[in-house]
Amino acid sequence: MKLAGIDNDTPDPVGGKILRDDNGQATGIFVDLAMDLIDRHLPKPEKSDYRQALKSAVDALVAEGMTGVHDAGIDLMNAEVYISMADNDELDMRIYAMTGGAGDVLDAIGKPLHSYGNDRLEIAAVKLYADGALGSRGAAMIEPYSDDAENRGLAFWTQDRKPWPGFLDTG
């Protein structure tokens, strides 16, 4: 937290929450978009590190009998590694990947991929984030959480903060 310049007075970002103890002290737990306050100070993984982690995960899943997975919210580096592995016949299961955001990855790779690499890879959908996750109690709810009466979750977007210009404009 010190390296990221976060202290007890750091405000919660839109779509995120810094958990605090009963005395208002930041606990070091960052929910949903509050993680961006930390992530921007971490070194980005190298492609080779991601490739090795992906290979290990695929091997473990295949050993358990899994034949395919969905990966929601990939970035350009993830897409490049998936494509490279598919080109080298290194994907031992099917991967249906969704880009994170408004399609920047699809723009960069030139087109959606369907049945790519011996039908092991598809990158043809976009995951848009509207709110947090249920597990972190960040999913936006109409009613408060049953075990957290003050919490209705976290909306990532507001009328003033949109994911891209023109989003949901009706005029």
N, C-alpha and C. Protein backbone atom coordinates (compact mmCIF):
# COMPACT_ATOMS: atom_id res chain seq x y z
N MET A 1 0.83 -1.18 0.00
CA MET A 1 0.00 0.00 0.00
C MET A 1 0.88 1.24 0.00
N LYS A 2 1.98 1.16 0.72
CA LYS A 2 2.89 2.30 0.78
C LYS A 2 3.45 2.61 -0.60
N LEU A 3 3.89 1.57 -1.34
CA LEU A 3 4.44 1.78 -2.68
C LEU A 3 3.41 2.35 -3.65
N ALA A 4 2.14 2.02 -3.42
CA ALA A 4 1.07 2.52 -4.29
C ALA A 4 0.54 3.88 -3.82
N GLY A 5 1.07 4.39 -2.70
CA GLY A 5 0.63 5.68 -2.20
C GLY A 5 -0.75 5.65 -1.58
N ILE A 6 -1.15 4.49 -1.08
CA ILE A 6 -2.48 4.33 -0.50
C ILE A 6 -2.37 4.41 1.02
N ASP A 7 -3.22 5.26 1.60
CA ASP A 7 -3.24 5.36 3.06
C ASP A 7 -4.70 5.33 3.53
N ASN A 8 -4.91 5.61 4.79
CA ASN A 8 -6.25 5.54 5.35
C ASN A 8 -7.19 6.59 4.79
N ASP A 9 -6.65 7.63 4.16
CA ASP A 9 -7.48 8.70 3.60
C ASP A 9 -7.75 8.53 2.11
N THR A 10 -7.18 7.50 1.50
CA THR A 10 -7.41 7.27 0.08
C THR A 10 -8.89 6.93 -0.14
N PRO A 11 -9.57 7.68 -1.00
CA PRO A 11 -11.00 7.40 -1.23
C PRO A 11 -11.21 6.13 -2.05
N ASP A 12 -12.36 5.52 -1.86
CA ASP A 12 -12.73 4.37 -2.67
C ASP A 12 -12.97 4.84 -4.11
N PRO A 13 -12.42 4.14 -5.10
CA PRO A 13 -12.69 4.51 -6.49
C PRO A 13 -14.09 4.05 -6.89
N VAL A 14 -14.63 4.64 -7.95
CA VAL A 14 -15.91 4.17 -8.49
C VAL A 14 -15.75 2.70 -8.87
N GLY A 15 -16.68 1.87 -8.42
CA GLY A 15 -16.64 0.44 -8.74
C GLY A 15 -15.68 -0.36 -7.89
N GLY A 16 -15.15 0.24 -6.84
CA GLY A 16 -14.21 -0.47 -5.97
C GLY A 16 -14.36 -0.05 -4.53
N LYS A 17 -13.74 -0.82 -3.66
CA LYS A 17 -13.82 -0.52 -2.24
C LYS A 17 -12.53 -0.96 -1.56
N ILE A 18 -12.01 -0.09 -0.72
CA ILE A 18 -10.89 -0.43 0.14
C ILE A 18 -11.50 -0.81 1.48
N LEU A 19 -11.35 -2.07 1.88
CA LEU A 19 -11.94 -2.48 3.15
C LEU A 19 -11.15 -1.85 4.30
N ARG A 20 -11.89 -1.41 5.30
CA ARG A 20 -11.31 -0.74 6.46
C ARG A 20 -11.81 -1.41 7.74
N ASP A 21 -11.00 -1.35 8.78
CA ASP A 21 -11.40 -1.95 10.06
C ASP A 21 -12.33 -0.98 10.80
N ASP A 22 -12.72 -1.35 12.00
CA ASP A 22 -13.65 -0.54 12.78
C ASP A 22 -13.11 0.84 13.12
N ASN A 23 -11.80 1.02 13.06
CA ASN A 23 -11.18 2.32 13.32
C ASN A 23 -10.93 3.13 12.05
N GLY A 24 -11.41 2.62 10.90
CA GLY A 24 -11.23 3.33 9.64
C GLY A 24 -9.88 3.12 8.99
N GLN A 25 -9.10 2.18 9.51
CA GLN A 25 -7.78 1.90 8.96
C GLN A 25 -7.91 0.95 7.77
N ALA A 26 -7.24 1.27 6.66
CA ALA A 26 -7.25 0.39 5.49
C ALA A 26 -6.63 -0.95 5.87
N THR A 27 -7.32 -2.05 5.52
CA THR A 27 -6.87 -3.39 5.91
C THR A 27 -5.93 -4.03 4.91
N GLY A 28 -5.87 -3.48 3.69
CA GLY A 28 -5.06 -4.11 2.64
C GLY A 28 -5.89 -5.00 1.74
N ILE A 29 -7.21 -5.03 1.96
CA ILE A 29 -8.10 -5.80 1.08
C ILE A 29 -8.77 -4.81 0.13
N PHE A 30 -8.60 -5.07 -1.17
CA PHE A 30 -9.11 -4.20 -2.21
C PHE A 30 -10.13 -4.97 -3.04
N VAL A 31 -11.34 -4.46 -3.12
CA VAL A 31 -12.44 -5.14 -3.80
C VAL A 31 -12.64 -4.54 -5.19
N ASP A 32 -12.75 -5.42 -6.18
CA ASP A 32 -13.08 -5.09 -7.56
C ASP A 32 -12.19 -3.97 -8.10
N LEU A 33 -12.71 -2.85 -8.59
CA LEU A 33 -11.88 -1.86 -9.27
C LEU A 33 -10.88 -1.17 -8.35
N ALA A 34 -11.00 -1.34 -7.04
CA ALA A 34 -9.97 -0.81 -6.14
C ALA A 34 -8.64 -1.52 -6.37
N MET A 35 -8.67 -2.73 -6.91
CA MET A 35 -7.43 -3.44 -7.23
C MET A 35 -6.58 -2.69 -8.25
N ASP A 36 -7.22 -1.85 -9.07
CA ASP A 36 -6.46 -1.05 -10.05
C ASP A 36 -5.47 -0.13 -9.36
N LEU A 37 -5.80 0.32 -8.13
CA LEU A 37 -4.88 1.18 -7.37
C LEU A 37 -3.57 0.46 -7.08
N ILE A 38 -3.63 -0.86 -6.95
CA ILE A 38 -2.46 -1.69 -6.68
C ILE A 38 -1.83 -2.17 -7.99
N ASP A 39 -2.68 -2.69 -8.90
CA ASP A 39 -2.19 -3.31 -10.14
C ASP A 39 -1.29 -2.39 -10.96
N ARG A 40 -1.59 -1.11 -10.98
CA ARG A 40 -0.80 -0.20 -11.82
C ARG A 40 0.64 -0.07 -11.33
N HIS A 41 0.92 -0.56 -10.12
CA HIS A 41 2.28 -0.48 -9.57
C HIS A 41 3.02 -1.82 -9.62
N LEU A 42 2.36 -2.85 -10.13
CA LEU A 42 2.97 -4.17 -10.23
C LEU A 42 3.58 -4.37 -11.60
N PRO A 43 4.70 -5.07 -11.69
CA PRO A 43 5.27 -5.34 -13.02
C PRO A 43 4.34 -6.27 -13.81
N LYS A 44 4.26 -6.02 -15.08
CA LYS A 44 3.45 -6.87 -15.96
C LYS A 44 4.17 -8.19 -16.18
N PRO A 45 3.43 -9.29 -16.19
CA PRO A 45 4.10 -10.58 -16.44
C PRO A 45 4.64 -10.65 -17.86
N GLU A 46 5.69 -11.37 -18.03
CA GLU A 46 6.25 -11.62 -19.36
C GLU A 46 5.39 -12.66 -20.07
N LYS A 47 5.38 -12.61 -21.40
CA LYS A 47 4.63 -13.61 -22.17
C LYS A 47 5.06 -15.03 -21.81
N SER A 48 6.36 -15.22 -21.62
CA SER A 48 6.86 -16.57 -21.31
C SER A 48 6.32 -17.06 -19.97
N ASP A 49 6.19 -16.16 -19.00
CA ASP A 49 5.62 -16.54 -17.70
C ASP A 49 4.16 -16.93 -17.84
N TYR A 50 3.41 -16.10 -18.60
CA TYR A 50 2.00 -16.40 -18.81
C TYR A 50 1.83 -17.70 -19.58
N ARG A 51 2.65 -17.91 -20.59
CA ARG A 51 2.59 -19.13 -21.40
C ARG A 51 2.82 -20.36 -20.52
N GLN A 52 3.82 -20.30 -19.64
CA GLN A 52 4.12 -21.43 -18.76
C GLN A 52 2.97 -21.68 -17.78
N ALA A 53 2.41 -20.60 -17.23
CA ALA A 53 1.28 -20.75 -16.31
C ALA A 53 0.08 -21.34 -17.03
N LEU A 54 -0.18 -20.89 -18.25
CA LEU A 54 -1.29 -21.42 -19.03
C LEU A 54 -1.07 -22.89 -19.35
N LYS A 55 0.13 -23.24 -19.77
CA LYS A 55 0.44 -24.65 -20.08
C LYS A 55 0.22 -25.52 -18.85
N SER A 56 0.68 -25.06 -17.69
CA SER A 56 0.49 -25.83 -16.45
C SER A 56 -0.99 -25.98 -16.12
N ALA A 57 -1.76 -24.91 -16.29
CA ALA A 57 -3.19 -24.97 -16.00
C ALA A 57 -3.91 -25.92 -16.95
N VAL A 58 -3.59 -25.83 -18.25
CA VAL A 58 -4.21 -26.73 -19.23
C VAL A 58 -3.86 -28.18 -18.91
N ASP A 59 -2.60 -28.45 -18.61
CA ASP A 59 -2.19 -29.82 -18.28
C ASP A 59 -2.97 -30.35 -17.07
N ALA A 60 -3.13 -29.52 -16.05
CA ALA A 60 -3.85 -29.94 -14.84
C ALA A 60 -5.33 -30.19 -15.15
N LEU A 61 -5.94 -29.33 -15.95
CA LEU A 61 -7.35 -29.51 -16.29
C LEU A 61 -7.57 -30.74 -17.16
N VAL A 62 -6.71 -30.94 -18.14
CA VAL A 62 -6.82 -32.12 -19.01
C VAL A 62 -6.66 -33.39 -18.18
N ALA A 63 -5.75 -33.37 -17.21
CA ALA A 63 -5.55 -34.55 -16.35
C ALA A 63 -6.81 -34.88 -15.55
N GLU A 64 -7.66 -33.88 -15.31
CA GLU A 64 -8.92 -34.10 -14.59
C GLU A 64 -10.09 -34.40 -15.54
N GLY A 65 -9.81 -34.45 -16.83
CA GLY A 65 -10.84 -34.79 -17.80
C GLY A 65 -11.54 -33.60 -18.45
N MET A 66 -11.09 -32.40 -18.16
CA MET A 66 -11.71 -31.22 -18.78
C MET A 66 -11.31 -31.16 -20.25
N THR A 67 -12.27 -30.80 -21.09
CA THR A 67 -11.99 -30.71 -22.52
C THR A 67 -12.09 -29.28 -23.06
N GLY A 68 -12.61 -28.36 -22.26
CA GLY A 68 -12.72 -26.99 -22.72
C GLY A 68 -13.05 -26.05 -21.57
N VAL A 69 -12.67 -24.79 -21.75
CA VAL A 69 -12.96 -23.76 -20.76
C VAL A 69 -13.31 -22.46 -21.47
N HIS A 70 -13.94 -21.57 -20.73
CA HIS A 70 -14.17 -20.20 -21.16
C HIS A 70 -13.22 -19.31 -20.37
N ASP A 71 -12.61 -18.36 -21.03
CA ASP A 71 -11.73 -17.40 -20.37
C ASP A 71 -12.30 -16.02 -20.64
N ALA A 72 -12.96 -15.46 -19.65
CA ALA A 72 -13.67 -14.19 -19.83
C ALA A 72 -12.81 -13.01 -19.40
N GLY A 73 -12.48 -12.17 -20.36
CA GLY A 73 -11.78 -10.94 -20.05
C GLY A 73 -10.30 -10.95 -20.35
N ILE A 74 -9.89 -11.53 -21.48
CA ILE A 74 -8.46 -11.59 -21.82
C ILE A 74 -7.99 -10.25 -22.37
N ASP A 75 -6.67 -10.01 -22.25
CA ASP A 75 -6.07 -8.83 -22.85
C ASP A 75 -5.26 -9.26 -24.08
N LEU A 76 -4.59 -8.31 -24.71
CA LEU A 76 -3.87 -8.60 -25.94
C LEU A 76 -2.75 -9.62 -25.73
N MET A 77 -2.02 -9.52 -24.63
CA MET A 77 -0.95 -10.49 -24.37
C MET A 77 -1.51 -11.90 -24.25
N ASN A 78 -2.64 -12.04 -23.53
CA ASN A 78 -3.27 -13.35 -23.41
C ASN A 78 -3.65 -13.90 -24.78
N ALA A 79 -4.23 -13.04 -25.61
CA ALA A 79 -4.65 -13.46 -26.95
C ALA A 79 -3.45 -13.90 -27.78
N GLU A 80 -2.37 -13.15 -27.72
CA GLU A 80 -1.18 -13.50 -28.49
C GLU A 80 -0.61 -14.85 -28.04
N VAL A 81 -0.62 -15.12 -26.74
CA VAL A 81 -0.13 -16.41 -26.24
C VAL A 81 -1.05 -17.53 -26.69
N TYR A 82 -2.35 -17.34 -26.56
CA TYR A 82 -3.29 -18.36 -27.02
C TYR A 82 -3.08 -18.67 -28.51
N ILE A 83 -2.97 -17.63 -29.33
CA ILE A 83 -2.79 -17.81 -30.77
C ILE A 83 -1.49 -18.55 -31.06
N SER A 84 -0.42 -18.16 -30.41
CA SER A 84 0.87 -18.82 -30.59
C SER A 84 0.80 -20.29 -30.19
N MET A 85 0.17 -20.57 -29.07
CA MET A 85 0.05 -21.96 -28.63
C MET A 85 -0.81 -22.77 -29.61
N ALA A 86 -1.88 -22.15 -30.12
CA ALA A 86 -2.72 -22.84 -31.10
C ALA A 86 -1.93 -23.09 -32.39
N ASP A 87 -1.14 -22.11 -32.82
CA ASP A 87 -0.32 -22.26 -34.02
C ASP A 87 0.69 -23.40 -33.86
N ASN A 88 1.16 -23.61 -32.65
CA ASN A 88 2.16 -24.66 -32.38
C ASN A 88 1.54 -25.96 -31.88
N ASP A 89 0.22 -26.07 -32.01
CA ASP A 89 -0.51 -27.28 -31.60
C ASP A 89 -0.23 -27.62 -30.13
N GLU A 90 -0.19 -26.58 -29.27
CA GLU A 90 0.08 -26.76 -27.86
C GLU A 90 -1.17 -26.65 -26.98
N LEU A 91 -2.33 -26.42 -27.57
CA LEU A 91 -3.55 -26.35 -26.78
C LEU A 91 -4.19 -27.73 -26.78
N ASP A 92 -4.19 -28.37 -25.64
CA ASP A 92 -4.74 -29.72 -25.53
C ASP A 92 -6.20 -29.72 -25.12
N MET A 93 -6.82 -28.57 -25.12
CA MET A 93 -8.25 -28.45 -24.85
C MET A 93 -8.78 -27.25 -25.62
N ARG A 94 -10.09 -27.13 -25.68
CA ARG A 94 -10.69 -25.99 -26.37
C ARG A 94 -10.75 -24.80 -25.42
N ILE A 95 -10.43 -23.63 -25.97
CA ILE A 95 -10.48 -22.38 -25.22
C ILE A 95 -11.45 -21.44 -25.94
N TYR A 96 -12.49 -21.02 -25.26
CA TYR A 96 -13.38 -19.98 -25.78
C TYR A 96 -13.07 -18.73 -24.98
N ALA A 97 -12.38 -17.78 -25.60
CA ALA A 97 -11.92 -16.59 -24.90
C ALA A 97 -12.74 -15.37 -25.29
N MET A 98 -12.97 -14.53 -24.31
CA MET A 98 -13.68 -13.27 -24.51
C MET A 98 -12.73 -12.13 -24.17
N THR A 99 -12.68 -11.13 -25.03
CA THR A 99 -11.81 -9.99 -24.75
C THR A 99 -12.43 -9.17 -23.63
N GLY A 100 -11.58 -8.54 -22.84
CA GLY A 100 -12.06 -7.68 -21.76
C GLY A 100 -12.18 -6.26 -22.27
N GLY A 101 -13.38 -5.72 -22.27
CA GLY A 101 -13.58 -4.35 -22.71
C GLY A 101 -14.29 -4.26 -24.04
N ALA A 102 -14.05 -3.18 -24.73
CA ALA A 102 -14.84 -2.84 -25.92
C ALA A 102 -14.30 -3.42 -27.22
N GLY A 103 -13.49 -4.46 -27.18
CA GLY A 103 -13.06 -5.11 -28.39
C GLY A 103 -11.69 -4.70 -28.90
N ASP A 104 -10.89 -4.05 -28.07
CA ASP A 104 -9.56 -3.62 -28.50
C ASP A 104 -8.71 -4.80 -28.95
N VAL A 105 -8.84 -5.94 -28.30
CA VAL A 105 -8.07 -7.13 -28.67
C VAL A 105 -8.48 -7.59 -30.06
N LEU A 106 -9.77 -7.63 -30.32
CA LEU A 106 -10.24 -8.05 -31.65
C LEU A 106 -9.72 -7.10 -32.72
N ASP A 107 -9.68 -5.81 -32.41
CA ASP A 107 -9.11 -4.85 -33.36
C ASP A 107 -7.64 -5.16 -33.62
N ALA A 108 -6.90 -5.48 -32.57
CA ALA A 108 -5.45 -5.72 -32.70
C ALA A 108 -5.15 -7.01 -33.46
N ILE A 109 -5.93 -8.06 -33.25
CA ILE A 109 -5.65 -9.31 -33.96
C ILE A 109 -6.30 -9.34 -35.34
N GLY A 110 -7.10 -8.32 -35.65
CA GLY A 110 -7.60 -8.15 -37.00
C GLY A 110 -9.00 -8.66 -37.26
N LYS A 111 -9.43 -9.68 -36.53
CA LYS A 111 -10.77 -10.22 -36.75
C LYS A 111 -11.05 -11.24 -35.65
N PRO A 112 -12.34 -11.55 -35.45
CA PRO A 112 -12.64 -12.65 -34.52
C PRO A 112 -12.08 -13.97 -35.06
N LEU A 113 -11.69 -14.84 -34.16
CA LEU A 113 -11.19 -16.16 -34.55
C LEU A 113 -12.25 -17.21 -34.22
N HIS A 114 -12.59 -18.01 -35.21
CA HIS A 114 -13.55 -19.10 -35.03
C HIS A 114 -12.86 -20.41 -35.43
N SER A 115 -12.99 -21.44 -34.62
CA SER A 115 -12.43 -22.76 -34.92
C SER A 115 -10.96 -22.68 -35.32
N TYR A 116 -10.21 -21.87 -34.62
CA TYR A 116 -8.80 -21.64 -34.92
C TYR A 116 -7.94 -22.73 -34.30
N GLY A 117 -6.82 -23.03 -34.94
CA GLY A 117 -5.87 -23.99 -34.37
C GLY A 117 -6.46 -25.36 -34.13
N ASN A 118 -6.94 -26.00 -35.19
CA ASN A 118 -7.58 -27.32 -35.07
C ASN A 118 -8.78 -27.29 -34.14
N ASP A 119 -9.54 -26.23 -34.21
CA ASP A 119 -10.76 -26.05 -33.41
C ASP A 119 -10.48 -26.01 -31.91
N ARG A 120 -9.31 -25.53 -31.54
CA ARG A 120 -8.94 -25.43 -30.11
C ARG A 120 -9.15 -24.03 -29.56
N LEU A 121 -9.26 -23.02 -30.42
CA LEU A 121 -9.31 -21.65 -29.93
C LEU A 121 -10.39 -20.86 -30.66
N GLU A 122 -11.15 -20.12 -29.87
CA GLU A 122 -12.10 -19.17 -30.41
C GLU A 122 -11.98 -17.88 -29.59
N ILE A 123 -11.79 -16.77 -30.29
CA ILE A 123 -11.79 -15.45 -29.66
C ILE A 123 -12.77 -14.62 -30.48
N ALA A 124 -14.00 -14.55 -30.01
CA ALA A 124 -15.03 -13.92 -30.83
C ALA A 124 -16.09 -13.19 -30.02
N ALA A 125 -15.84 -13.01 -28.73
CA ALA A 125 -16.82 -12.33 -27.89
C ALA A 125 -16.12 -11.29 -27.03
N VAL A 126 -16.91 -10.38 -26.50
CA VAL A 126 -16.40 -9.32 -25.64
C VAL A 126 -17.11 -9.43 -24.30
N LYS A 127 -16.34 -9.34 -23.22
CA LYS A 127 -16.93 -9.30 -21.89
C LYS A 127 -16.94 -7.85 -21.43
N LEU A 128 -18.13 -7.35 -21.15
CA LEU A 128 -18.28 -6.00 -20.61
C LEU A 128 -18.56 -6.13 -19.11
N TYR A 129 -17.91 -5.32 -18.34
CA TYR A 129 -18.04 -5.36 -16.89
C TYR A 129 -19.01 -4.28 -16.45
N ALA A 130 -20.04 -4.65 -15.71
CA ALA A 130 -21.01 -3.68 -15.22
C ALA A 130 -20.93 -3.51 -13.71
N ASP A 131 -20.53 -4.57 -13.03
CA ASP A 131 -20.47 -4.51 -11.58
C ASP A 131 -19.47 -5.54 -11.08
N GLY A 132 -19.34 -5.62 -9.78
CA GLY A 132 -18.37 -6.53 -9.18
C GLY A 132 -18.87 -7.96 -9.14
N ALA A 133 -18.21 -8.75 -8.34
CA ALA A 133 -18.50 -10.19 -8.24
C ALA A 133 -19.28 -10.50 -6.97
N LEU A 134 -20.03 -11.58 -7.00
CA LEU A 134 -20.79 -12.00 -5.82
C LEU A 134 -19.88 -12.37 -4.66
N GLY A 135 -18.79 -13.07 -4.94
CA GLY A 135 -17.91 -13.55 -3.88
C GLY A 135 -17.30 -12.43 -3.05
N SER A 136 -17.04 -11.30 -3.67
CA SER A 136 -16.46 -10.16 -2.96
C SER A 136 -17.55 -9.23 -2.42
N ARG A 137 -18.79 -9.60 -2.67
CA ARG A 137 -19.95 -8.77 -2.35
C ARG A 137 -19.90 -7.44 -3.09
N GLY A 138 -19.38 -7.51 -4.31
CA GLY A 138 -19.30 -6.32 -5.14
C GLY A 138 -20.34 -6.30 -6.25
N ALA A 139 -21.06 -7.42 -6.45
CA ALA A 139 -22.10 -7.45 -7.48
C ALA A 139 -23.21 -6.47 -7.09
N ALA A 140 -23.59 -5.59 -8.01
CA ALA A 140 -24.63 -4.60 -7.73
C ALA A 140 -25.97 -5.29 -7.54
N MET A 141 -26.62 -4.99 -6.43
CA MET A 141 -27.88 -5.64 -6.07
C MET A 141 -28.97 -4.58 -5.86
N ILE A 142 -30.21 -4.97 -6.10
CA ILE A 142 -31.34 -4.08 -5.82
C ILE A 142 -31.54 -3.98 -4.31
N GLU A 143 -31.48 -5.10 -3.64
CA GLU A 143 -31.61 -5.15 -2.18
C GLU A 143 -30.23 -5.37 -1.57
N PRO A 144 -30.04 -4.97 -0.31
CA PRO A 144 -28.74 -5.22 0.34
C PRO A 144 -28.47 -6.72 0.48
N TYR A 145 -27.20 -7.06 0.60
CA TYR A 145 -26.82 -8.44 0.85
C TYR A 145 -27.43 -8.89 2.18
N SER A 146 -27.90 -10.15 2.24
CA SER A 146 -28.59 -10.63 3.44
C SER A 146 -27.69 -10.62 4.67
N ASP A 147 -26.39 -10.73 4.48
CA ASP A 147 -25.47 -10.73 5.62
C ASP A 147 -24.66 -9.44 5.72
N ASP A 148 -25.08 -8.41 4.97
CA ASP A 148 -24.37 -7.13 4.99
C ASP A 148 -25.38 -6.05 4.63
N ALA A 149 -26.17 -5.65 5.60
CA ALA A 149 -27.34 -4.78 5.38
C ALA A 149 -27.00 -3.41 4.81
N GLU A 150 -25.75 -2.98 4.88
CA GLU A 150 -25.37 -1.67 4.35
C GLU A 150 -24.78 -1.75 2.95
N ASN A 151 -24.73 -2.94 2.37
CA ASN A 151 -24.02 -3.13 1.11
C ASN A 151 -24.96 -3.58 0.01
N ARG A 152 -24.99 -2.80 -1.07
CA ARG A 152 -25.74 -3.16 -2.28
C ARG A 152 -24.80 -3.43 -3.45
N GLY A 153 -23.51 -3.56 -3.17
CA GLY A 153 -22.54 -3.85 -4.22
C GLY A 153 -21.98 -2.61 -4.87
N LEU A 154 -21.30 -2.82 -6.00
CA LEU A 154 -20.54 -1.75 -6.66
C LEU A 154 -20.83 -1.70 -8.15
N ALA A 155 -21.46 -0.65 -8.61
CA ALA A 155 -21.63 -0.45 -10.05
C ALA A 155 -20.35 0.17 -10.60
N PHE A 156 -19.84 -0.38 -11.69
CA PHE A 156 -18.60 0.14 -12.28
C PHE A 156 -18.83 1.41 -13.07
N TRP A 157 -20.04 1.59 -13.57
CA TRP A 157 -20.31 2.73 -14.45
C TRP A 157 -21.45 3.54 -13.89
N THR A 158 -21.38 4.85 -14.09
CA THR A 158 -22.45 5.77 -13.71
C THR A 158 -22.75 6.64 -14.92
N GLN A 159 -23.73 7.50 -14.80
CA GLN A 159 -24.02 8.42 -15.90
C GLN A 159 -22.81 9.31 -16.20
N ASP A 160 -22.01 9.60 -15.17
CA ASP A 160 -20.83 10.46 -15.36
C ASP A 160 -19.58 9.68 -15.74
N ARG A 161 -19.54 8.40 -15.45
CA ARG A 161 -18.35 7.58 -15.73
C ARG A 161 -18.78 6.41 -16.61
N LYS A 162 -18.46 6.51 -17.90
CA LYS A 162 -18.88 5.50 -18.87
C LYS A 162 -17.66 4.74 -19.38
N PRO A 163 -17.87 3.49 -19.83
CA PRO A 163 -16.73 2.69 -20.29
C PRO A 163 -16.06 3.24 -21.54
N TRP A 164 -16.79 3.95 -22.37
CA TRP A 164 -16.22 4.61 -23.54
C TRP A 164 -17.18 5.71 -23.98
N PRO A 165 -16.68 6.72 -24.71
CA PRO A 165 -17.55 7.83 -25.14
C PRO A 165 -18.75 7.33 -25.94
N GLY A 166 -19.91 7.88 -25.63
CA GLY A 166 -21.13 7.52 -26.35
C GLY A 166 -21.85 6.31 -25.80
N PHE A 167 -21.26 5.61 -24.82
CA PHE A 167 -21.89 4.41 -24.25
C PHE A 167 -23.26 4.77 -23.68
N LEU A 168 -24.27 4.07 -24.12
CA LEU A 168 -25.65 4.22 -23.67
C LEU A 168 -26.23 5.62 -23.89
N ASP A 169 -25.63 6.41 -24.78
CA ASP A 169 -26.23 7.70 -25.13
C ASP A 169 -27.47 7.42 -25.97
N THR A 170 -28.55 8.09 -25.65
CA THR A 170 -29.80 7.82 -26.36
C THR A 170 -30.15 8.92 -27.36
N GLY A 171 -29.33 9.96 -27.44
CA GLY A 171 -29.65 11.09 -28.30
C GLY A 171 -29.08 11.06 -29.63
